[in-house]
Amino acid sequence: MTFKQRIITAFKGIKENFFSFSGRLNRLRYFVLRIILAVLTYIFLLIGYKILGYEYGQTTTSAAIYNGVISLIFIVPTFCLNVRRLQDMNRGKLLAVVYAIMKAVMAFSDLTFSEFKYMNTFSAYGVLTLATFSMLLDMYLMISPGTYGKNKYGENPLAAKKVNLKKKV
């Protein structure tokens, strides 16, 4: 396999794993892909914070904007994973849309302690409420089992394929 073919195969794998709405996604695969996304997100955020930095113990405005933009970028593959996971549970896309909206609102809410204490009460509790619901939805998607057998979104991703183990004589 040539280098160009390997690159093309790698991009197809990324597209199928992170940017596809079709099919179903079981719990373990969902968990692993979400961990990969979280690690990538934190790497990009750390790079941004190292470059844009802090001033006097507070996040700079440019770092907060960078944080929001990176968070918004990573909402897209997370949304695709959530849709496929919900399809595995035979549910619609509504929870994935609600999750994406919550994450988009929280993307530009920098929750460092020094800035959080200066937020007005409604904003502070609103952001904390969104974060709590987001965490609960994440737990729901990771814990709830998928539909057994075939559903309207496709075959069960864990269905064992029938293999003929008998020797041919």
N, C-alpha and C. Protein backbone atom coordinates (compact mmCIF):
# COMPACT_ATOMS: atom_id res chain seq x y z
N MET A 1 0.85 -1.17 0.00
CA MET A 1 0.00 0.00 0.00
C MET A 1 0.90 1.24 0.00
N THR A 2 0.61 2.16 -0.89
CA THR A 2 1.43 3.37 -0.98
C THR A 2 1.04 4.35 0.11
N PHE A 3 1.90 5.35 0.28
CA PHE A 3 1.65 6.38 1.30
C PHE A 3 0.35 7.11 1.01
N LYS A 4 0.10 7.43 -0.24
CA LYS A 4 -1.12 8.14 -0.62
C LYS A 4 -2.37 7.31 -0.29
N GLN A 5 -2.30 6.00 -0.55
CA GLN A 5 -3.43 5.13 -0.24
C GLN A 5 -3.66 5.02 1.26
N ARG A 6 -2.58 5.03 2.03
CA ARG A 6 -2.71 4.99 3.49
C ARG A 6 -3.37 6.25 4.02
N ILE A 7 -2.98 7.40 3.47
CA ILE A 7 -3.59 8.67 3.89
C ILE A 7 -5.08 8.68 3.56
N ILE A 8 -5.42 8.24 2.36
CA ILE A 8 -6.83 8.20 1.94
C ILE A 8 -7.62 7.26 2.86
N THR A 9 -7.05 6.11 3.17
CA THR A 9 -7.72 5.16 4.07
C THR A 9 -7.90 5.75 5.46
N ALA A 10 -6.88 6.46 5.94
CA ALA A 10 -6.98 7.09 7.26
C ALA A 10 -8.09 8.14 7.29
N PHE A 11 -8.19 8.96 6.25
CA PHE A 11 -9.23 9.98 6.20
C PHE A 11 -10.62 9.35 6.10
N LYS A 12 -10.74 8.23 5.39
CA LYS A 12 -12.03 7.54 5.32
C LYS A 12 -12.42 7.01 6.70
N GLY A 13 -11.42 6.50 7.43
CA GLY A 13 -11.70 6.01 8.78
C GLY A 13 -12.13 7.13 9.72
N ILE A 14 -11.48 8.29 9.62
CA ILE A 14 -11.87 9.44 10.44
C ILE A 14 -13.28 9.88 10.08
N LYS A 15 -13.58 9.94 8.79
CA LYS A 15 -14.91 10.35 8.34
C LYS A 15 -15.97 9.37 8.83
N GLU A 16 -15.71 8.07 8.69
CA GLU A 16 -16.68 7.06 9.12
C GLU A 16 -16.88 7.06 10.63
N ASN A 17 -15.82 7.30 11.38
CA ASN A 17 -15.91 7.26 12.84
C ASN A 17 -16.49 8.53 13.44
N PHE A 18 -16.07 9.69 12.94
CA PHE A 18 -16.41 10.95 13.62
C PHE A 18 -17.38 11.85 12.87
N PHE A 19 -17.61 11.63 11.59
CA PHE A 19 -18.45 12.57 10.83
C PHE A 19 -19.54 11.88 10.04
N SER A 20 -20.08 10.81 10.57
CA SER A 20 -21.13 10.06 9.90
C SER A 20 -22.38 10.04 10.78
N PHE A 21 -23.54 10.16 10.14
CA PHE A 21 -24.81 10.07 10.86
C PHE A 21 -25.49 8.73 10.65
N SER A 22 -24.97 7.91 9.76
CA SER A 22 -25.65 6.67 9.43
C SER A 22 -25.15 5.53 10.32
N GLY A 23 -26.07 4.65 10.63
CA GLY A 23 -25.72 3.47 11.40
C GLY A 23 -25.88 3.66 12.90
N ARG A 24 -25.41 2.64 13.60
CA ARG A 24 -25.54 2.60 15.05
C ARG A 24 -24.15 2.52 15.67
N LEU A 25 -24.06 2.93 16.93
CA LEU A 25 -22.78 2.96 17.63
C LEU A 25 -22.97 2.36 19.02
N ASN A 26 -22.26 1.26 19.30
CA ASN A 26 -22.43 0.64 20.61
C ASN A 26 -21.72 1.43 21.70
N ARG A 27 -21.97 1.05 22.95
CA ARG A 27 -21.46 1.82 24.10
C ARG A 27 -19.95 1.88 24.17
N LEU A 28 -19.28 0.77 24.00
CA LEU A 28 -17.82 0.74 24.13
C LEU A 28 -17.15 1.58 23.05
N ARG A 29 -17.58 1.42 21.83
CA ARG A 29 -17.00 2.22 20.74
C ARG A 29 -17.28 3.70 20.94
N TYR A 30 -18.49 4.02 21.37
CA TYR A 30 -18.85 5.40 21.67
C TYR A 30 -17.92 5.97 22.75
N PHE A 31 -17.71 5.20 23.81
CA PHE A 31 -16.85 5.64 24.91
C PHE A 31 -15.43 5.90 24.42
N VAL A 32 -14.89 4.98 23.63
CA VAL A 32 -13.51 5.12 23.13
C VAL A 32 -13.40 6.35 22.22
N LEU A 33 -14.36 6.53 21.32
CA LEU A 33 -14.31 7.68 20.41
C LEU A 33 -14.48 9.00 21.17
N ARG A 34 -15.31 9.01 22.20
CA ARG A 34 -15.45 10.24 23.00
C ARG A 34 -14.18 10.54 23.79
N ILE A 35 -13.48 9.51 24.26
CA ILE A 35 -12.20 9.72 24.95
C ILE A 35 -11.19 10.31 23.98
N ILE A 36 -11.15 9.80 22.77
CA ILE A 36 -10.24 10.34 21.75
C ILE A 36 -10.55 11.81 21.50
N LEU A 37 -11.83 12.14 21.34
CA LEU A 37 -12.22 13.55 21.13
C LEU A 37 -11.83 14.42 22.33
N ALA A 38 -12.04 13.91 23.53
CA ALA A 38 -11.70 14.69 24.72
C ALA A 38 -10.20 14.96 24.79
N VAL A 39 -9.40 13.95 24.51
CA VAL A 39 -7.94 14.14 24.54
C VAL A 39 -7.52 15.15 23.49
N LEU A 40 -8.05 15.03 22.28
CA LEU A 40 -7.71 16.00 21.22
C LEU A 40 -8.14 17.41 21.60
N THR A 41 -9.34 17.53 22.17
CA THR A 41 -9.82 18.85 22.59
C THR A 41 -8.89 19.46 23.63
N TYR A 42 -8.52 18.69 24.63
CA TYR A 42 -7.66 19.22 25.69
C TYR A 42 -6.27 19.55 25.18
N ILE A 43 -5.76 18.78 24.22
CA ILE A 43 -4.45 19.11 23.64
C ILE A 43 -4.52 20.46 22.94
N PHE A 44 -5.56 20.67 22.12
CA PHE A 44 -5.70 21.95 21.43
C PHE A 44 -5.92 23.10 22.42
N LEU A 45 -6.69 22.86 23.48
CA LEU A 45 -6.91 23.91 24.48
C LEU A 45 -5.62 24.25 25.22
N LEU A 46 -4.84 23.23 25.57
CA LEU A 46 -3.57 23.49 26.26
C LEU A 46 -2.60 24.27 25.37
N ILE A 47 -2.56 23.91 24.10
CA ILE A 47 -1.70 24.65 23.17
C ILE A 47 -2.13 26.11 23.11
N GLY A 48 -3.43 26.33 23.01
CA GLY A 48 -3.94 27.71 22.96
C GLY A 48 -3.64 28.49 24.22
N TYR A 49 -3.82 27.85 25.38
CA TYR A 49 -3.54 28.54 26.63
C TYR A 49 -2.05 28.82 26.80
N LYS A 50 -1.21 27.91 26.31
CA LYS A 50 0.23 28.16 26.40
C LYS A 50 0.63 29.32 25.49
N ILE A 51 0.02 29.42 24.32
CA ILE A 51 0.35 30.49 23.39
C ILE A 51 -0.28 31.81 23.82
N LEU A 52 -1.57 31.77 24.17
CA LEU A 52 -2.30 33.00 24.48
C LEU A 52 -2.20 33.38 25.95
N GLY A 53 -2.02 32.40 26.79
CA GLY A 53 -1.68 32.62 28.18
C GLY A 53 -2.72 33.23 29.08
N TYR A 54 -2.23 33.54 30.26
CA TYR A 54 -3.03 34.15 31.31
C TYR A 54 -2.41 35.50 31.66
N GLU A 55 -3.23 36.38 32.17
CA GLU A 55 -2.74 37.66 32.69
C GLU A 55 -3.22 37.81 34.12
N TYR A 56 -2.31 37.94 35.02
CA TYR A 56 -2.62 38.17 36.43
C TYR A 56 -3.57 37.12 37.00
N GLY A 57 -3.35 35.86 36.62
CA GLY A 57 -4.15 34.77 37.14
C GLY A 57 -5.51 34.62 36.48
N GLN A 58 -5.81 35.43 35.48
CA GLN A 58 -7.08 35.31 34.78
C GLN A 58 -6.84 34.98 33.32
N THR A 59 -7.81 34.33 32.75
CA THR A 59 -7.72 33.98 31.34
C THR A 59 -7.81 35.26 30.51
N THR A 60 -6.95 35.36 29.50
CA THR A 60 -7.02 36.52 28.62
C THR A 60 -8.24 36.39 27.73
N THR A 61 -8.68 37.50 27.18
CA THR A 61 -9.85 37.49 26.29
C THR A 61 -9.58 36.63 25.06
N SER A 62 -8.38 36.74 24.50
CA SER A 62 -8.06 35.94 23.32
C SER A 62 -8.05 34.45 23.65
N ALA A 63 -7.60 34.07 24.84
CA ALA A 63 -7.62 32.66 25.25
C ALA A 63 -9.05 32.17 25.43
N ALA A 64 -9.93 33.01 25.97
CA ALA A 64 -11.33 32.62 26.14
C ALA A 64 -12.02 32.45 24.79
N ILE A 65 -11.71 33.32 23.84
CA ILE A 65 -12.28 33.21 22.49
C ILE A 65 -11.75 31.94 21.80
N TYR A 66 -10.45 31.72 21.93
CA TYR A 66 -9.85 30.51 21.36
C TYR A 66 -10.50 29.26 21.96
N ASN A 67 -10.71 29.25 23.27
CA ASN A 67 -11.37 28.15 23.96
C ASN A 67 -12.76 27.91 23.36
N GLY A 68 -13.51 28.97 23.15
CA GLY A 68 -14.85 28.85 22.59
C GLY A 68 -14.84 28.30 21.18
N VAL A 69 -13.90 28.79 20.36
CA VAL A 69 -13.83 28.33 18.97
C VAL A 69 -13.45 26.85 18.91
N ILE A 70 -12.45 26.45 19.67
CA ILE A 70 -12.05 25.04 19.69
C ILE A 70 -13.20 24.17 20.19
N SER A 71 -13.89 24.62 21.24
CA SER A 71 -15.03 23.86 21.75
C SER A 71 -16.12 23.72 20.70
N LEU A 72 -16.39 24.79 19.95
CA LEU A 72 -17.40 24.73 18.89
C LEU A 72 -16.98 23.78 17.78
N ILE A 73 -15.71 23.78 17.43
CA ILE A 73 -15.23 22.88 16.38
C ILE A 73 -15.44 21.42 16.79
N PHE A 74 -15.16 21.10 18.04
CA PHE A 74 -15.29 19.72 18.50
C PHE A 74 -16.73 19.33 18.83
N ILE A 75 -17.66 20.27 18.77
CA ILE A 75 -19.08 19.92 18.95
C ILE A 75 -19.57 19.11 17.75
N VAL A 76 -19.04 19.39 16.57
CA VAL A 76 -19.52 18.72 15.35
C VAL A 76 -19.29 17.20 15.42
N PRO A 77 -18.06 16.71 15.65
CA PRO A 77 -17.92 15.25 15.73
C PRO A 77 -18.65 14.65 16.94
N THR A 78 -18.73 15.39 18.03
CA THR A 78 -19.47 14.90 19.19
C THR A 78 -20.95 14.74 18.86
N PHE A 79 -21.50 15.70 18.12
CA PHE A 79 -22.89 15.63 17.69
C PHE A 79 -23.12 14.39 16.82
N CYS A 80 -22.21 14.13 15.90
CA CYS A 80 -22.34 12.95 15.04
C CYS A 80 -22.30 11.66 15.86
N LEU A 81 -21.38 11.58 16.83
CA LEU A 81 -21.32 10.40 17.69
C LEU A 81 -22.59 10.24 18.51
N ASN A 82 -23.10 11.35 19.05
CA ASN A 82 -24.33 11.29 19.86
C ASN A 82 -25.52 10.83 19.03
N VAL A 83 -25.61 11.30 17.79
CA VAL A 83 -26.71 10.88 16.92
C VAL A 83 -26.65 9.38 16.67
N ARG A 84 -25.47 8.87 16.36
CA ARG A 84 -25.33 7.44 16.11
C ARG A 84 -25.59 6.61 17.37
N ARG A 85 -25.19 7.13 18.52
CA ARG A 85 -25.46 6.42 19.78
C ARG A 85 -26.95 6.39 20.08
N LEU A 86 -27.63 7.52 19.85
CA LEU A 86 -29.08 7.57 20.06
C LEU A 86 -29.80 6.65 19.08
N GLN A 87 -29.29 6.55 17.86
CA GLN A 87 -29.89 5.63 16.89
C GLN A 87 -29.74 4.19 17.36
N ASP A 88 -28.64 3.89 18.03
CA ASP A 88 -28.46 2.54 18.57
C ASP A 88 -29.52 2.24 19.63
N MET A 89 -29.96 3.28 20.34
CA MET A 89 -30.99 3.11 21.36
C MET A 89 -32.39 3.31 20.78
N ASN A 90 -32.47 3.44 19.45
CA ASN A 90 -33.73 3.63 18.72
C ASN A 90 -34.44 4.92 19.13
N ARG A 91 -33.68 5.96 19.33
CA ARG A 91 -34.20 7.27 19.68
C ARG A 91 -33.88 8.25 18.54
N GLY A 92 -34.57 9.36 18.53
CA GLY A 92 -34.35 10.37 17.51
C GLY A 92 -33.15 11.25 17.82
N LYS A 93 -33.01 12.30 17.03
CA LYS A 93 -31.86 13.20 17.15
C LYS A 93 -32.09 14.34 18.14
N LEU A 94 -33.27 14.42 18.74
CA LEU A 94 -33.60 15.57 19.58
C LEU A 94 -32.62 15.76 20.73
N LEU A 95 -32.26 14.69 21.44
CA LEU A 95 -31.32 14.82 22.55
C LEU A 95 -29.94 15.28 22.06
N ALA A 96 -29.53 14.83 20.88
CA ALA A 96 -28.25 15.27 20.33
C ALA A 96 -28.28 16.75 20.00
N VAL A 97 -29.40 17.23 19.50
CA VAL A 97 -29.53 18.66 19.18
C VAL A 97 -29.51 19.48 20.47
N VAL A 98 -30.24 19.03 21.49
CA VAL A 98 -30.25 19.73 22.78
C VAL A 98 -28.84 19.76 23.37
N TYR A 99 -28.13 18.64 23.31
CA TYR A 99 -26.76 18.56 23.82
C TYR A 99 -25.85 19.55 23.08
N ALA A 100 -25.96 19.60 21.75
CA ALA A 100 -25.12 20.51 20.97
C ALA A 100 -25.41 21.96 21.32
N ILE A 101 -26.66 22.30 21.53
CA ILE A 101 -27.02 23.68 21.90
C ILE A 101 -26.44 24.01 23.27
N MET A 102 -26.56 23.08 24.23
CA MET A 102 -26.00 23.32 25.56
C MET A 102 -24.49 23.53 25.48
N LYS A 103 -23.81 22.69 24.71
CA LYS A 103 -22.35 22.82 24.58
C LYS A 103 -21.97 24.12 23.88
N ALA A 104 -22.76 24.54 22.90
CA ALA A 104 -22.47 25.79 22.20
C ALA A 104 -22.61 26.99 23.14
N VAL A 105 -23.62 26.96 23.99
CA VAL A 105 -23.80 28.05 24.97
C VAL A 105 -22.65 28.06 25.96
N MET A 106 -22.24 26.87 26.39
CA MET A 106 -21.16 26.79 27.37
C MET A 106 -19.79 27.05 26.77
N ALA A 107 -19.68 26.99 25.43
CA ALA A 107 -18.37 27.11 24.79
C ALA A 107 -17.68 28.43 25.12
N PHE A 108 -18.45 29.49 25.24
CA PHE A 108 -17.84 30.78 25.52
C PHE A 108 -18.01 31.21 26.97
N SER A 109 -18.35 30.27 27.83
CA SER A 109 -18.46 30.54 29.27
C SER A 109 -17.21 30.01 29.94
N ASP A 110 -16.25 30.86 30.17
CA ASP A 110 -15.03 30.43 30.83
C ASP A 110 -15.31 30.34 32.31
N LEU A 111 -15.14 29.14 32.89
CA LEU A 111 -15.53 28.90 34.27
C LEU A 111 -14.35 28.90 35.24
N THR A 112 -13.34 29.71 34.96
CA THR A 112 -12.28 29.80 35.94
C THR A 112 -12.84 30.49 37.18
N PHE A 113 -12.35 30.16 38.34
CA PHE A 113 -12.90 30.68 39.58
C PHE A 113 -12.86 32.20 39.63
N SER A 114 -11.79 32.77 39.13
CA SER A 114 -11.65 34.22 39.23
C SER A 114 -12.71 34.95 38.41
N GLU A 115 -13.14 34.35 37.29
CA GLU A 115 -14.16 35.01 36.48
C GLU A 115 -15.56 34.56 36.90
N PHE A 116 -15.69 33.33 37.38
CA PHE A 116 -16.98 32.80 37.75
C PHE A 116 -17.59 33.60 38.90
N LYS A 117 -16.76 34.02 39.84
CA LYS A 117 -17.32 34.74 40.99
C LYS A 117 -17.83 36.12 40.62
N TYR A 118 -17.44 36.63 39.44
CA TYR A 118 -17.93 37.94 39.00
C TYR A 118 -19.16 37.85 38.11
N MET A 119 -19.59 36.63 37.77
CA MET A 119 -20.79 36.47 36.95
C MET A 119 -22.01 36.80 37.81
N ASN A 120 -23.06 37.30 37.15
CA ASN A 120 -24.29 37.52 37.92
C ASN A 120 -24.90 36.16 38.25
N THR A 121 -25.76 36.12 39.20
CA THR A 121 -26.29 34.87 39.74
C THR A 121 -26.99 34.05 38.67
N PHE A 122 -27.80 34.68 37.85
CA PHE A 122 -28.55 33.96 36.82
C PHE A 122 -27.59 33.30 35.83
N SER A 123 -26.58 34.01 35.39
CA SER A 123 -25.62 33.44 34.44
C SER A 123 -24.83 32.31 35.06
N ALA A 124 -24.39 32.49 36.29
CA ALA A 124 -23.59 31.47 36.95
C ALA A 124 -24.39 30.17 37.12
N TYR A 125 -25.60 30.27 37.65
CA TYR A 125 -26.41 29.07 37.84
C TYR A 125 -26.88 28.50 36.50
N GLY A 126 -27.09 29.34 35.52
CA GLY A 126 -27.47 28.85 34.19
C GLY A 126 -26.38 28.00 33.58
N VAL A 127 -25.14 28.47 33.67
CA VAL A 127 -24.01 27.72 33.12
C VAL A 127 -23.81 26.42 33.91
N LEU A 128 -23.92 26.48 35.22
CA LEU A 128 -23.79 25.26 36.03
C LEU A 128 -24.90 24.25 35.74
N THR A 129 -26.11 24.74 35.51
CA THR A 129 -27.22 23.86 35.16
C THR A 129 -26.98 23.19 33.82
N LEU A 130 -26.51 23.96 32.82
CA LEU A 130 -26.21 23.39 31.52
C LEU A 130 -25.10 22.35 31.62
N ALA A 131 -24.09 22.64 32.42
CA ALA A 131 -22.99 21.69 32.60
C ALA A 131 -23.49 20.40 33.26
N THR A 132 -24.39 20.52 34.22
CA THR A 132 -24.94 19.35 34.90
C THR A 132 -25.77 18.51 33.95
N PHE A 133 -26.67 19.14 33.18
CA PHE A 133 -27.48 18.39 32.22
C PHE A 133 -26.61 17.75 31.15
N SER A 134 -25.57 18.45 30.73
CA SER A 134 -24.64 17.90 29.74
C SER A 134 -23.96 16.65 30.27
N MET A 135 -23.51 16.71 31.51
CA MET A 135 -22.86 15.56 32.13
C MET A 135 -23.84 14.39 32.28
N LEU A 136 -25.07 14.67 32.68
CA LEU A 136 -26.08 13.62 32.82
C LEU A 136 -26.41 12.97 31.48
N LEU A 137 -26.48 13.78 30.42
CA LEU A 137 -26.74 13.23 29.10
C LEU A 137 -25.57 12.37 28.63
N ASP A 138 -24.34 12.80 28.92
CA ASP A 138 -23.17 11.98 28.60
C ASP A 138 -23.25 10.63 29.31
N MET A 139 -23.60 10.65 30.57
CA MET A 139 -23.70 9.40 31.34
C MET A 139 -24.81 8.51 30.77
N TYR A 140 -25.93 9.11 30.41
CA TYR A 140 -27.05 8.36 29.82
C TYR A 140 -26.61 7.67 28.54
N LEU A 141 -25.89 8.38 27.68
CA LEU A 141 -25.46 7.80 26.42
C LEU A 141 -24.42 6.70 26.63
N MET A 142 -23.62 6.81 27.66
CA MET A 142 -22.59 5.80 27.90
C MET A 142 -23.11 4.57 28.64
N ILE A 143 -24.17 4.72 29.41
CA ILE A 143 -24.65 3.63 30.25
C ILE A 143 -25.81 2.87 29.61
N SER A 144 -26.70 3.56 28.94
CA SER A 144 -27.91 2.91 28.40
C SER A 144 -27.56 1.91 27.31
N PRO A 145 -28.15 0.73 27.40
CA PRO A 145 -27.88 -0.26 26.35
C PRO A 145 -28.60 0.09 25.05
N GLY A 146 -28.08 -0.42 23.98
CA GLY A 146 -28.72 -0.21 22.68
C GLY A 146 -29.88 -1.18 22.50
N THR A 147 -30.60 -1.01 21.43
CA THR A 147 -31.71 -1.89 21.10
C THR A 147 -31.15 -3.23 20.65
N TYR A 148 -31.71 -4.30 21.19
CA TYR A 148 -31.29 -5.63 20.77
C TYR A 148 -31.86 -5.92 19.39
N GLY A 149 -31.05 -6.50 18.56
CA GLY A 149 -31.51 -6.85 17.22
C GLY A 149 -31.55 -5.64 16.30
N LYS A 150 -32.28 -5.80 15.26
CA LYS A 150 -32.37 -4.75 14.24
C LYS A 150 -33.39 -3.69 14.66
N ASN A 151 -33.08 -2.43 14.39
CA ASN A 151 -34.07 -1.37 14.57
C ASN A 151 -34.14 -0.55 13.29
N LYS A 152 -34.86 0.55 13.29
CA LYS A 152 -35.05 1.30 12.05
C LYS A 152 -33.77 1.99 11.56
N TYR A 153 -32.71 1.97 12.37
CA TYR A 153 -31.46 2.60 11.97
C TYR A 153 -30.41 1.59 11.51
N GLY A 154 -30.74 0.32 11.56
CA GLY A 154 -29.81 -0.69 11.06
C GLY A 154 -29.66 -1.87 11.99
N GLU A 155 -28.71 -2.74 11.63
CA GLU A 155 -28.42 -3.94 12.42
C GLU A 155 -27.73 -3.56 13.72
N ASN A 156 -27.84 -4.44 14.69
CA ASN A 156 -27.14 -4.28 15.95
C ASN A 156 -25.63 -4.35 15.69
N PRO A 157 -24.87 -3.36 16.11
CA PRO A 157 -23.42 -3.39 15.85
C PRO A 157 -22.70 -4.51 16.58
N LEU A 158 -23.33 -5.10 17.58
CA LEU A 158 -22.72 -6.20 18.32
C LEU A 158 -23.18 -7.57 17.84
N ALA A 159 -24.04 -7.59 16.83
CA ALA A 159 -24.56 -8.87 16.35
C ALA A 159 -23.42 -9.70 15.79
N ALA A 160 -23.33 -10.89 16.32
CA ALA A 160 -22.27 -11.80 15.85
C ALA A 160 -22.66 -12.33 14.48
N LYS A 161 -21.72 -12.27 13.58
CA LYS A 161 -21.97 -12.82 12.25
C LYS A 161 -21.85 -14.33 12.32
N LYS A 162 -22.73 -14.98 11.60
CA LYS A 162 -22.71 -16.44 11.61
C LYS A 162 -21.49 -16.91 10.83
N VAL A 163 -20.73 -17.76 11.48
CA VAL A 163 -19.53 -18.30 10.87
C VAL A 163 -19.65 -19.81 10.86
N ASN A 164 -19.38 -20.38 9.72
CA ASN A 164 -19.42 -21.83 9.61
C ASN A 164 -18.06 -22.38 10.01
N LEU A 165 -18.02 -23.04 11.17
CA LEU A 165 -16.78 -23.56 11.68
C LEU A 165 -16.53 -25.01 11.27
N LYS A 166 -17.46 -25.61 10.57
CA LYS A 166 -17.28 -27.00 10.15
C LYS A 166 -16.26 -27.07 9.02
N LYS A 167 -15.43 -28.12 9.08
CA LYS A 167 -14.43 -28.31 8.04
C LYS A 167 -15.10 -28.87 6.80
N LYS A 168 -14.60 -28.40 5.69
CA LYS A 168 -15.07 -28.97 4.43
C LYS A 168 -14.25 -30.21 4.16
N VAL A 169 -14.95 -31.25 3.79
CA VAL A 169 -14.25 -32.51 3.52
C VAL A 169 -14.12 -32.74 2.05
